[in-house]
Amino acid sequence: MRSLPARSALESRVISIIPPGRGKGVFMERRLAQAILGLVAVFLVTPVGAEQSDEIVLNAHYGFSGVITKIESGMLFVRSDDNLRPRTISPNKADRVGLHDAKVGDSVNLLVDSGNVLIDASSADQFPEHRFLVGTVRYADPFWQEIQVSTPEGTTTYEVDALAGIRMSGIPEGTPVTLELDADNVMIDIHRGESR
């Protein structure tokens, strides 16, 4: 007869409170859950793509071209070789960046941030022009519509792009920031500190 390994005090207590007839199944389920939890912990602690760390740049922007495949209710659907699904450009953003008269088949340039969120778009014959402004936050609209920044030249208020508003959360007044502004002086990105 085969001898069973000695049980720990915890395992003995766990088994003693399990109803008769269910002991092995519940114990195995508990062991399986512990094993899965252990694997999840290992995957969470291990950095993804650690060997590719040279190629990853935080807060980097990525530009690429695409073709407008569909226009529905003013919304532009852009397909590129790199994307499985088409990207969309809202009617407001299309008007603001000069794509209000775009047609199906037109080529466009898109710019996305490190989170793969669309920052800017333009027609294929030009690429979005941006400038960076270093200053201190004086006022940030709680509805993310505008931001007021002071610089040595004075205090100026900037409109905030709808997709960039979420980046303003958690940035209190008095924080040094670097704003990224598009050609229309609309804030499209914000970074804490005077990094640029």
N, C-alpha and C. Protein backbone atom coordinates (compact mmCIF):
# COMPACT_ATOMS: atom_id res chain seq x y z
N MET A 1 0.84 -1.18 0.00
CA MET A 1 0.00 0.00 0.00
C MET A 1 0.88 1.24 0.00
N ARG A 2 0.46 2.21 -0.74
CA ARG A 2 1.23 3.44 -0.92
C ARG A 2 0.94 4.40 0.22
N SER A 3 1.98 5.02 0.77
CA SER A 3 1.75 5.96 1.87
C SER A 3 1.58 7.37 1.31
N LEU A 4 0.71 8.13 1.91
CA LEU A 4 0.44 9.50 1.51
C LEU A 4 1.41 10.44 2.20
N PRO A 5 1.77 11.53 1.55
CA PRO A 5 2.68 12.48 2.19
C PRO A 5 1.99 13.11 3.41
N ALA A 6 2.80 13.52 4.35
CA ALA A 6 2.27 14.14 5.57
C ALA A 6 1.58 15.46 5.21
N ARG A 7 0.49 15.73 5.89
CA ARG A 7 -0.27 16.96 5.65
C ARG A 7 0.17 18.04 6.61
N SER A 8 0.13 19.25 6.13
CA SER A 8 0.41 20.38 7.01
C SER A 8 -0.81 20.61 7.89
N ALA A 9 -0.62 21.39 8.94
CA ALA A 9 -1.72 21.70 9.85
C ALA A 9 -2.85 22.41 9.11
N LEU A 10 -2.51 23.31 8.18
CA LEU A 10 -3.52 24.05 7.42
C LEU A 10 -4.31 23.10 6.53
N GLU A 11 -3.62 22.18 5.84
CA GLU A 11 -4.31 21.23 4.97
C GLU A 11 -5.23 20.33 5.79
N SER A 12 -4.78 19.93 6.98
CA SER A 12 -5.62 19.09 7.83
C SER A 12 -6.88 19.83 8.24
N ARG A 13 -6.75 21.12 8.58
CA ARG A 13 -7.93 21.90 8.95
C ARG A 13 -8.86 22.08 7.76
N VAL A 14 -8.30 22.34 6.59
CA VAL A 14 -9.12 22.53 5.39
C VAL A 14 -9.89 21.27 5.08
N ILE A 15 -9.22 20.13 5.14
CA ILE A 15 -9.87 18.87 4.82
C ILE A 15 -10.91 18.52 5.87
N SER A 16 -10.67 18.88 7.14
CA SER A 16 -11.61 18.52 8.20
C SER A 16 -12.92 19.29 8.09
N ILE A 17 -12.94 20.47 7.43
CA ILE A 17 -14.20 21.20 7.32
C ILE A 17 -14.93 20.91 6.01
N ILE A 18 -14.36 20.10 5.15
CA ILE A 18 -14.98 19.75 3.88
C ILE A 18 -15.97 18.63 4.14
N PRO A 19 -17.19 18.73 3.61
CA PRO A 19 -18.18 17.68 3.83
C PRO A 19 -17.71 16.35 3.25
N PRO A 20 -18.13 15.24 3.83
CA PRO A 20 -17.73 13.92 3.33
C PRO A 20 -18.14 13.75 1.87
N GLY A 21 -17.29 13.10 1.10
CA GLY A 21 -17.59 12.83 -0.30
C GLY A 21 -17.11 13.92 -1.24
N ARG A 22 -16.74 15.07 -0.73
CA ARG A 22 -16.29 16.17 -1.59
C ARG A 22 -14.83 16.52 -1.33
N GLY A 23 -14.18 15.84 -0.44
CA GLY A 23 -12.84 16.18 0.01
C GLY A 23 -11.82 16.33 -1.10
N LYS A 24 -11.68 15.30 -1.91
CA LYS A 24 -10.66 15.32 -2.94
C LYS A 24 -10.94 16.39 -3.99
N GLY A 25 -12.19 16.52 -4.42
CA GLY A 25 -12.53 17.48 -5.47
C GLY A 25 -12.29 18.92 -5.04
N VAL A 26 -12.73 19.26 -3.84
CA VAL A 26 -12.54 20.63 -3.35
C VAL A 26 -11.06 20.90 -3.12
N PHE A 27 -10.36 19.89 -2.55
CA PHE A 27 -8.94 20.07 -2.31
C PHE A 27 -8.19 20.29 -3.63
N MET A 28 -8.54 19.53 -4.67
CA MET A 28 -7.90 19.67 -5.98
C MET A 28 -8.24 21.02 -6.60
N GLU A 29 -9.49 21.46 -6.44
CA GLU A 29 -9.88 22.77 -6.97
C GLU A 29 -9.07 23.87 -6.29
N ARG A 30 -8.88 23.72 -4.99
CA ARG A 30 -8.11 24.72 -4.25
C ARG A 30 -6.66 24.72 -4.73
N ARG A 31 -6.06 23.55 -4.93
CA ARG A 31 -4.69 23.46 -5.43
C ARG A 31 -4.58 24.07 -6.83
N LEU A 32 -5.56 23.79 -7.68
CA LEU A 32 -5.56 24.34 -9.03
C LEU A 32 -5.64 25.87 -8.98
N ALA A 33 -6.50 26.38 -8.11
CA ALA A 33 -6.62 27.83 -7.97
C ALA A 33 -5.32 28.44 -7.48
N GLN A 34 -4.64 27.77 -6.54
CA GLN A 34 -3.36 28.27 -6.05
C GLN A 34 -2.31 28.28 -7.17
N ALA A 35 -2.31 27.23 -7.98
CA ALA A 35 -1.34 27.15 -9.08
C ALA A 35 -1.59 28.25 -10.10
N ILE A 36 -2.86 28.47 -10.43
CA ILE A 36 -3.19 29.53 -11.39
C ILE A 36 -2.81 30.89 -10.84
N LEU A 37 -3.10 31.13 -9.57
CA LEU A 37 -2.74 32.39 -8.93
C LEU A 37 -1.23 32.60 -8.95
N GLY A 38 -0.49 31.53 -8.71
CA GLY A 38 0.97 31.63 -8.76
C GLY A 38 1.47 32.00 -10.15
N LEU A 39 0.90 31.38 -11.18
CA LEU A 39 1.29 31.71 -12.56
C LEU A 39 0.96 33.15 -12.91
N VAL A 40 -0.22 33.61 -12.50
CA VAL A 40 -0.61 34.99 -12.76
C VAL A 40 0.36 35.94 -12.09
N ALA A 41 0.75 35.64 -10.86
CA ALA A 41 1.70 36.50 -10.15
C ALA A 41 3.03 36.56 -10.89
N VAL A 42 3.49 35.44 -11.40
CA VAL A 42 4.75 35.41 -12.14
C VAL A 42 4.65 36.27 -13.40
N PHE A 43 3.53 36.16 -14.12
CA PHE A 43 3.37 36.93 -15.34
C PHE A 43 3.25 38.42 -15.06
N LEU A 44 2.64 38.78 -13.95
CA LEU A 44 2.50 40.20 -13.61
C LEU A 44 3.82 40.81 -13.19
N VAL A 45 4.68 40.03 -12.54
CA VAL A 45 5.96 40.55 -12.08
C VAL A 45 6.97 40.62 -13.21
N THR A 46 6.91 39.69 -14.15
CA THR A 46 7.84 39.66 -15.26
C THR A 46 7.49 40.74 -16.26
N PRO A 47 8.44 41.65 -16.57
CA PRO A 47 8.13 42.70 -17.54
C PRO A 47 7.92 42.12 -18.94
N VAL A 48 6.87 42.57 -19.59
CA VAL A 48 6.56 42.11 -20.93
C VAL A 48 7.58 42.70 -21.89
N GLY A 49 8.15 41.87 -22.72
CA GLY A 49 9.09 42.35 -23.72
C GLY A 49 10.35 42.92 -23.10
N ALA A 50 10.83 42.34 -22.01
CA ALA A 50 12.00 42.87 -21.33
C ALA A 50 13.20 42.94 -22.25
N GLU A 51 13.34 41.96 -23.16
CA GLU A 51 14.49 41.99 -24.05
C GLU A 51 14.38 43.07 -25.12
N GLN A 52 13.19 43.67 -25.29
CA GLN A 52 13.01 44.71 -26.29
C GLN A 52 13.01 46.10 -25.67
N SER A 53 13.51 46.24 -24.45
CA SER A 53 13.41 47.51 -23.73
C SER A 53 14.11 48.65 -24.47
N ASP A 54 15.10 48.34 -25.31
CA ASP A 54 15.78 49.39 -26.06
C ASP A 54 14.85 50.07 -27.05
N GLU A 55 13.85 49.36 -27.55
CA GLU A 55 12.98 49.89 -28.58
C GLU A 55 11.78 50.64 -28.02
N ILE A 56 11.48 50.46 -26.75
CA ILE A 56 10.30 51.10 -26.16
C ILE A 56 10.66 52.48 -25.66
N VAL A 57 9.92 53.48 -26.09
CA VAL A 57 10.14 54.85 -25.65
C VAL A 57 8.84 55.36 -25.07
N LEU A 58 8.86 55.75 -23.81
CA LEU A 58 7.65 56.25 -23.17
C LEU A 58 7.27 57.60 -23.75
N ASN A 59 5.99 57.84 -23.85
CA ASN A 59 5.43 59.10 -24.35
C ASN A 59 5.84 59.40 -25.78
N ALA A 60 6.17 58.38 -26.54
CA ALA A 60 6.56 58.56 -27.93
C ALA A 60 5.30 58.62 -28.80
N HIS A 61 5.43 59.27 -29.93
CA HIS A 61 4.33 59.34 -30.88
C HIS A 61 4.71 58.54 -32.11
N TYR A 62 3.71 57.99 -32.75
CA TYR A 62 3.93 57.14 -33.92
C TYR A 62 3.06 57.67 -35.05
N GLY A 63 3.67 57.99 -36.16
CA GLY A 63 2.93 58.50 -37.32
C GLY A 63 2.86 57.46 -38.42
N PHE A 64 1.73 57.40 -39.10
CA PHE A 64 1.58 56.48 -40.22
C PHE A 64 0.49 57.00 -41.16
N SER A 65 0.43 56.42 -42.33
CA SER A 65 -0.54 56.84 -43.34
C SER A 65 -1.65 55.79 -43.47
N GLY A 66 -2.79 56.25 -43.95
CA GLY A 66 -3.91 55.36 -44.18
C GLY A 66 -4.79 55.93 -45.27
N VAL A 67 -5.81 55.18 -45.63
CA VAL A 67 -6.74 55.57 -46.69
C VAL A 67 -8.15 55.59 -46.11
N ILE A 68 -8.90 56.64 -46.42
CA ILE A 68 -10.29 56.73 -45.97
C ILE A 68 -11.10 55.70 -46.75
N THR A 69 -11.71 54.75 -46.01
CA THR A 69 -12.47 53.68 -46.66
C THR A 69 -13.97 53.91 -46.60
N LYS A 70 -14.42 54.76 -45.67
CA LYS A 70 -15.85 54.99 -45.52
C LYS A 70 -16.06 56.30 -44.78
N ILE A 71 -17.15 56.99 -45.13
CA ILE A 71 -17.57 58.18 -44.41
C ILE A 71 -19.03 58.00 -44.06
N GLU A 72 -19.32 58.02 -42.75
CA GLU A 72 -20.67 57.81 -42.28
C GLU A 72 -21.00 58.86 -41.24
N SER A 73 -22.02 59.67 -41.49
CA SER A 73 -22.45 60.73 -40.57
C SER A 73 -21.29 61.65 -40.20
N GLY A 74 -20.43 61.93 -41.15
CA GLY A 74 -19.29 62.80 -40.92
C GLY A 74 -18.08 62.12 -40.31
N MET A 75 -18.25 60.89 -39.83
CA MET A 75 -17.16 60.12 -39.22
C MET A 75 -16.32 59.50 -40.33
N LEU A 76 -15.00 59.73 -40.27
CA LEU A 76 -14.08 59.18 -41.27
C LEU A 76 -13.51 57.85 -40.75
N PHE A 77 -13.57 56.83 -41.58
CA PHE A 77 -13.00 55.53 -41.24
C PHE A 77 -11.74 55.35 -42.08
N VAL A 78 -10.60 55.18 -41.39
CA VAL A 78 -9.29 55.13 -42.06
C VAL A 78 -8.68 53.75 -41.83
N ARG A 79 -8.28 53.11 -42.91
CA ARG A 79 -7.64 51.81 -42.83
C ARG A 79 -6.17 51.99 -43.21
N SER A 80 -5.31 51.32 -42.43
CA SER A 80 -3.87 51.31 -42.74
C SER A 80 -3.40 49.86 -42.76
N ASP A 81 -2.20 49.64 -43.24
CA ASP A 81 -1.66 48.29 -43.32
C ASP A 81 -1.41 47.68 -41.94
N ASP A 82 -1.13 48.53 -40.94
CA ASP A 82 -0.76 48.05 -39.62
C ASP A 82 -1.94 47.71 -38.72
N ASN A 83 -3.14 48.15 -39.07
CA ASN A 83 -4.28 47.99 -38.17
C ASN A 83 -5.25 46.93 -38.68
N LEU A 84 -5.79 46.16 -37.75
CA LEU A 84 -6.77 45.15 -38.12
C LEU A 84 -8.14 45.79 -38.38
N ARG A 85 -8.45 46.82 -37.60
CA ARG A 85 -9.73 47.52 -37.75
C ARG A 85 -9.45 48.96 -38.18
N PRO A 86 -10.40 49.55 -38.86
CA PRO A 86 -10.19 50.95 -39.26
C PRO A 86 -10.20 51.89 -38.06
N ARG A 87 -9.41 52.94 -38.12
CA ARG A 87 -9.43 54.00 -37.12
C ARG A 87 -10.50 54.99 -37.52
N THR A 88 -11.01 55.71 -36.54
CA THR A 88 -12.04 56.70 -36.85
C THR A 88 -11.56 58.10 -36.49
N ILE A 89 -12.03 59.05 -37.27
CA ILE A 89 -11.79 60.46 -36.99
C ILE A 89 -13.16 61.10 -36.87
N SER A 90 -13.41 61.73 -35.72
CA SER A 90 -14.72 62.32 -35.47
C SER A 90 -14.95 63.51 -36.40
N PRO A 91 -16.21 63.88 -36.62
CA PRO A 91 -16.51 65.03 -37.47
C PRO A 91 -15.86 66.32 -36.94
N ASN A 92 -15.89 66.53 -35.64
CA ASN A 92 -15.27 67.73 -35.07
C ASN A 92 -13.77 67.78 -35.33
N LYS A 93 -13.10 66.65 -35.10
CA LYS A 93 -11.65 66.61 -35.34
C LYS A 93 -11.36 66.76 -36.83
N ALA A 94 -12.15 66.14 -37.68
CA ALA A 94 -11.94 66.26 -39.13
C ALA A 94 -12.06 67.72 -39.57
N ASP A 95 -13.06 68.43 -39.05
CA ASP A 95 -13.21 69.86 -39.39
C ASP A 95 -12.02 70.66 -38.89
N ARG A 96 -11.59 70.39 -37.66
CA ARG A 96 -10.52 71.18 -37.05
C ARG A 96 -9.18 70.97 -37.77
N VAL A 97 -8.92 69.77 -38.28
CA VAL A 97 -7.64 69.50 -38.92
C VAL A 97 -7.68 69.67 -40.44
N GLY A 98 -8.79 70.15 -40.96
CA GLY A 98 -8.87 70.43 -42.39
C GLY A 98 -9.29 69.27 -43.26
N LEU A 99 -9.93 68.27 -42.68
CA LEU A 99 -10.39 67.13 -43.47
C LEU A 99 -11.91 67.16 -43.67
N HIS A 100 -12.52 68.33 -43.59
CA HIS A 100 -13.97 68.45 -43.71
C HIS A 100 -14.48 68.10 -45.11
N ASP A 101 -13.64 68.22 -46.12
CA ASP A 101 -14.07 67.89 -47.49
C ASP A 101 -13.40 66.60 -48.00
N ALA A 102 -12.98 65.74 -47.09
CA ALA A 102 -12.32 64.49 -47.48
C ALA A 102 -13.30 63.56 -48.18
N LYS A 103 -12.76 62.70 -49.02
CA LYS A 103 -13.57 61.75 -49.79
C LYS A 103 -13.01 60.34 -49.61
N VAL A 104 -13.84 59.36 -49.85
CA VAL A 104 -13.40 57.96 -49.80
C VAL A 104 -12.28 57.78 -50.81
N GLY A 105 -11.19 57.14 -50.37
CA GLY A 105 -10.03 56.92 -51.23
C GLY A 105 -8.91 57.92 -50.98
N ASP A 106 -9.19 59.02 -50.25
CA ASP A 106 -8.14 60.00 -49.93
C ASP A 106 -7.15 59.39 -48.93
N SER A 107 -5.88 59.72 -49.11
CA SER A 107 -4.85 59.31 -48.15
C SER A 107 -4.73 60.36 -47.05
N VAL A 108 -4.51 59.89 -45.83
CA VAL A 108 -4.35 60.80 -44.69
C VAL A 108 -3.17 60.33 -43.85
N ASN A 109 -2.58 61.26 -43.11
CA ASN A 109 -1.53 60.95 -42.15
C ASN A 109 -2.14 61.01 -40.76
N LEU A 110 -1.83 60.01 -39.93
CA LEU A 110 -2.33 59.96 -38.57
C LEU A 110 -1.16 59.93 -37.60
N LEU A 111 -1.38 60.50 -36.42
CA LEU A 111 -0.38 60.51 -35.37
C LEU A 111 -1.04 59.99 -34.10
N VAL A 112 -0.46 58.94 -33.50
CA VAL A 112 -1.00 58.36 -32.28
C VAL A 112 0.06 58.45 -31.18
N ASP A 113 -0.41 58.43 -29.93
CA ASP A 113 0.52 58.49 -28.81
C ASP A 113 0.95 57.09 -28.39
N SER A 114 1.71 57.00 -27.30
CA SER A 114 2.21 55.71 -26.84
C SER A 114 1.10 54.78 -26.39
N GLY A 115 -0.08 55.34 -26.08
CA GLY A 115 -1.23 54.53 -25.71
C GLY A 115 -2.09 54.16 -26.90
N ASN A 116 -1.63 54.46 -28.11
CA ASN A 116 -2.31 54.17 -29.36
C ASN A 116 -3.61 54.96 -29.53
N VAL A 117 -3.66 56.13 -28.92
CA VAL A 117 -4.81 57.02 -29.04
C VAL A 117 -4.49 58.07 -30.11
N LEU A 118 -5.45 58.32 -31.00
CA LEU A 118 -5.25 59.28 -32.07
C LEU A 118 -5.02 60.67 -31.49
N ILE A 119 -3.92 61.29 -31.90
CA ILE A 119 -3.61 62.65 -31.44
C ILE A 119 -3.94 63.66 -32.53
N ASP A 120 -3.53 63.37 -33.76
CA ASP A 120 -3.71 64.35 -34.83
C ASP A 120 -3.83 63.63 -36.16
N ALA A 121 -4.38 64.34 -37.13
CA ALA A 121 -4.54 63.81 -38.48
C ALA A 121 -4.36 64.96 -39.46
N SER A 122 -4.00 64.62 -40.68
CA SER A 122 -3.86 65.64 -41.73
C SER A 122 -3.97 64.96 -43.09
N SER A 123 -4.11 65.76 -44.12
CA SER A 123 -4.13 65.19 -45.46
C SER A 123 -2.74 64.66 -45.79
N ALA A 124 -2.65 63.80 -46.78
CA ALA A 124 -1.39 63.12 -47.09
C ALA A 124 -0.28 64.05 -47.56
N ASP A 125 -0.63 65.22 -48.08
CA ASP A 125 0.41 66.11 -48.59
C ASP A 125 1.09 66.93 -47.49
N GLN A 126 0.64 66.80 -46.26
CA GLN A 126 1.29 67.50 -45.15
C GLN A 126 1.27 66.61 -43.92
N PHE A 127 2.18 66.87 -42.99
CA PHE A 127 2.16 66.14 -41.73
C PHE A 127 1.88 67.14 -40.63
N PRO A 128 1.14 66.76 -39.60
CA PRO A 128 0.76 67.70 -38.54
C PRO A 128 1.96 68.43 -37.94
N GLU A 129 1.81 69.75 -37.79
CA GLU A 129 2.86 70.56 -37.15
C GLU A 129 2.47 70.78 -35.70
N HIS A 130 3.41 70.51 -34.81
CA HIS A 130 3.16 70.66 -33.38
C HIS A 130 4.23 71.53 -32.76
N ARG A 131 3.87 72.14 -31.64
CA ARG A 131 4.87 72.86 -30.87
C ARG A 131 4.69 72.50 -29.41
N PHE A 132 5.76 72.66 -28.65
CA PHE A 132 5.74 72.32 -27.24
C PHE A 132 5.86 73.59 -26.42
N LEU A 133 5.11 73.63 -25.32
CA LEU A 133 5.08 74.80 -24.45
C LEU A 133 5.32 74.32 -23.02
N VAL A 134 6.33 74.89 -22.39
CA VAL A 134 6.66 74.54 -21.01
C VAL A 134 6.14 75.64 -20.11
N GLY A 135 5.41 75.25 -19.07
CA GLY A 135 4.86 76.23 -18.15
C GLY A 135 4.31 75.58 -16.91
N THR A 136 3.51 76.35 -16.16
CA THR A 136 2.91 75.88 -14.93
C THR A 136 1.40 75.98 -15.04
N VAL A 137 0.69 74.94 -14.62
CA VAL A 137 -0.77 74.94 -14.70
C VAL A 137 -1.32 75.97 -13.71
N ARG A 138 -2.14 76.89 -14.21
CA ARG A 138 -2.81 77.88 -13.37
C ARG A 138 -4.27 77.49 -13.16
N TYR A 139 -4.88 76.87 -14.18
CA TYR A 139 -6.27 76.44 -14.08
C TYR A 139 -6.49 75.29 -15.05
N ALA A 140 -7.16 74.26 -14.57
CA ALA A 140 -7.54 73.13 -15.43
C ALA A 140 -9.03 72.94 -15.28
N ASP A 141 -9.76 73.10 -16.37
CA ASP A 141 -11.21 72.97 -16.36
C ASP A 141 -11.59 71.56 -15.90
N PRO A 142 -12.51 71.45 -14.93
CA PRO A 142 -12.90 70.12 -14.45
C PRO A 142 -13.58 69.27 -15.52
N PHE A 143 -14.08 69.90 -16.58
CA PHE A 143 -14.71 69.15 -17.67
C PHE A 143 -13.76 68.95 -18.85
N TRP A 144 -12.48 69.28 -18.63
CA TRP A 144 -11.40 69.07 -19.60
C TRP A 144 -11.62 69.81 -20.92
N GLN A 145 -12.21 70.97 -20.84
CA GLN A 145 -12.44 71.77 -22.05
C GLN A 145 -11.29 72.74 -22.32
N GLU A 146 -10.64 73.23 -21.26
CA GLU A 146 -9.55 74.19 -21.43
C GLU A 146 -8.55 74.07 -20.29
N ILE A 147 -7.36 74.59 -20.55
CA ILE A 147 -6.30 74.62 -19.55
C ILE A 147 -5.61 75.97 -19.65
N GLN A 148 -5.24 76.51 -18.49
CA GLN A 148 -4.56 77.80 -18.45
C GLN A 148 -3.15 77.56 -17.92
N VAL A 149 -2.16 78.01 -18.68
CA VAL A 149 -0.77 77.76 -18.34
C VAL A 149 -0.02 79.09 -18.30
N SER A 150 0.82 79.25 -17.28
CA SER A 150 1.64 80.47 -17.20
C SER A 150 3.06 80.14 -17.61
N THR A 151 3.64 81.04 -18.38
CA THR A 151 5.02 80.94 -18.84
C THR A 151 5.69 82.28 -18.53
N PRO A 152 6.98 82.41 -18.76
CA PRO A 152 7.62 83.72 -18.55
C PRO A 152 7.00 84.83 -19.42
N GLU A 153 6.38 84.46 -20.54
CA GLU A 153 5.75 85.45 -21.42
C GLU A 153 4.36 85.86 -20.93
N GLY A 154 3.79 85.12 -19.99
CA GLY A 154 2.46 85.44 -19.47
C GLY A 154 1.59 84.20 -19.37
N THR A 155 0.33 84.41 -19.01
CA THR A 155 -0.63 83.32 -18.84
C THR A 155 -1.53 83.24 -20.06
N THR A 156 -1.71 82.01 -20.58
CA THR A 156 -2.52 81.81 -21.77
C THR A 156 -3.45 80.62 -21.55
N THR A 157 -4.65 80.71 -22.12
CA THR A 157 -5.63 79.63 -22.03
C THR A 157 -5.68 78.89 -23.36
N TYR A 158 -5.70 77.56 -23.30
CA TYR A 158 -5.72 76.73 -24.50
C TYR A 158 -6.93 75.80 -24.45
N GLU A 159 -7.54 75.60 -25.61
CA GLU A 159 -8.60 74.61 -25.75
C GLU A 159 -7.96 73.23 -25.67
N VAL A 160 -8.71 72.26 -25.16
CA VAL A 160 -8.20 70.90 -25.00
C VAL A 160 -8.95 69.97 -25.95
N ASP A 161 -8.20 69.19 -26.72
CA ASP A 161 -8.80 68.20 -27.61
C ASP A 161 -9.57 67.18 -26.78
N ALA A 162 -10.69 66.72 -27.31
CA ALA A 162 -11.56 65.79 -26.58
C ALA A 162 -10.83 64.53 -26.14
N LEU A 163 -9.93 64.01 -26.96
CA LEU A 163 -9.22 62.78 -26.60
C LEU A 163 -8.06 63.04 -25.63
N ALA A 164 -7.64 64.28 -25.49
CA ALA A 164 -6.52 64.60 -24.60
C ALA A 164 -6.98 65.00 -23.21
N GLY A 165 -8.27 65.25 -23.03
CA GLY A 165 -8.77 65.71 -21.74
C GLY A 165 -8.48 64.78 -20.59
N ILE A 166 -8.58 63.49 -20.82
CA ILE A 166 -8.36 62.51 -19.75
C ILE A 166 -6.94 62.61 -19.20
N ARG A 167 -6.01 63.08 -19.98
CA ARG A 167 -4.61 63.20 -19.53
C ARG A 167 -4.45 64.29 -18.48
N MET A 168 -5.44 65.18 -18.38
CA MET A 168 -5.36 66.27 -17.40
C MET A 168 -5.75 65.81 -16.00
N SER A 169 -6.37 64.65 -15.88
CA SER A 169 -6.79 64.20 -14.55
C SER A 169 -5.57 63.95 -13.68
N GLY A 170 -5.64 64.39 -12.47
CA GLY A 170 -4.55 64.19 -11.53
C GLY A 170 -3.43 65.19 -11.65
N ILE A 171 -3.59 66.23 -12.47
CA ILE A 171 -2.57 67.27 -12.56
C ILE A 171 -3.13 68.52 -11.88
N PRO A 172 -2.70 68.78 -10.65
CA PRO A 172 -3.24 69.93 -9.91
C PRO A 172 -2.63 71.25 -10.36
N GLU A 173 -3.26 72.33 -9.96
CA GLU A 173 -2.74 73.67 -10.26
C GLU A 173 -1.38 73.81 -9.60
N GLY A 174 -0.48 74.52 -10.28
CA GLY A 174 0.87 74.72 -9.77
C GLY A 174 1.87 73.69 -10.25
N THR A 175 1.41 72.69 -11.00
CA THR A 175 2.29 71.63 -11.49
C THR A 175 3.01 72.10 -12.76
N PRO A 176 4.34 71.93 -12.81
CA PRO A 176 5.04 72.22 -14.07
C PRO A 176 4.69 71.17 -15.12
N VAL A 177 4.36 71.62 -16.33
CA VAL A 177 3.94 70.72 -17.39
C VAL A 177 4.57 71.13 -18.72
N THR A 178 4.53 70.21 -19.65
CA THR A 178 4.85 70.49 -21.05
C THR A 178 3.62 70.16 -21.86
N LEU A 179 3.07 71.15 -22.54
CA LEU A 179 1.91 70.95 -23.40
C LEU A 179 2.38 70.70 -24.82
N GLU A 180 1.67 69.84 -25.51
CA GLU A 180 1.89 69.68 -26.94
C GLU A 180 0.68 70.29 -27.62
N LEU A 181 0.93 71.27 -28.48
CA LEU A 181 -0.13 72.00 -29.16
C LEU A 181 -0.09 71.68 -30.65
N ASP A 182 -1.27 71.55 -31.26
CA ASP A 182 -1.30 71.32 -32.71
C ASP A 182 -1.24 72.66 -33.43
N ALA A 183 -1.41 72.64 -34.74
CA ALA A 183 -1.30 73.86 -35.55
C ALA A 183 -2.36 74.90 -35.19
N ASP A 184 -3.48 74.47 -34.59
CA ASP A 184 -4.55 75.39 -34.20
C ASP A 184 -4.44 75.83 -32.74
N ASN A 185 -3.30 75.57 -32.09
CA ASN A 185 -3.07 75.89 -30.67
C ASN A 185 -4.03 75.16 -29.74
N VAL A 186 -4.41 73.97 -30.10
CA VAL A 186 -5.25 73.12 -29.25
C VAL A 186 -4.33 72.12 -28.57
N MET A 187 -4.51 71.95 -27.25
CA MET A 187 -3.68 71.00 -26.52
C MET A 187 -4.06 69.58 -26.92
N ILE A 188 -3.09 68.82 -27.41
CA ILE A 188 -3.34 67.45 -27.81
C ILE A 188 -2.62 66.45 -26.91
N ASP A 189 -1.71 66.94 -26.08
CA ASP A 189 -1.01 66.06 -25.15
C ASP A 189 -0.42 66.90 -24.03
N ILE A 190 -0.23 66.29 -22.87
CA ILE A 190 0.34 66.98 -21.72
C ILE A 190 1.24 66.01 -20.97
N HIS A 191 2.37 66.53 -20.48
CA HIS A 191 3.32 65.73 -19.72
C HIS A 191 3.70 66.50 -18.46
N ARG A 192 3.77 65.81 -17.34
CA ARG A 192 4.22 66.45 -16.11
C ARG A 192 5.69 66.82 -16.23
N GLY A 193 6.07 67.92 -15.66
CA GLY A 193 7.46 68.32 -15.63
C GLY A 193 7.85 69.07 -16.89
N GLU A 194 9.05 69.58 -16.85
CA GLU A 194 9.57 70.38 -17.97
C GLU A 194 10.53 69.52 -18.76
N SER A 195 10.02 68.49 -19.41
CA SER A 195 10.85 67.47 -20.01
C SER A 195 11.28 67.72 -21.45
N ARG A 196 10.63 68.57 -22.17
CA ARG A 196 10.96 68.70 -23.60
C ARG A 196 11.89 69.82 -23.82
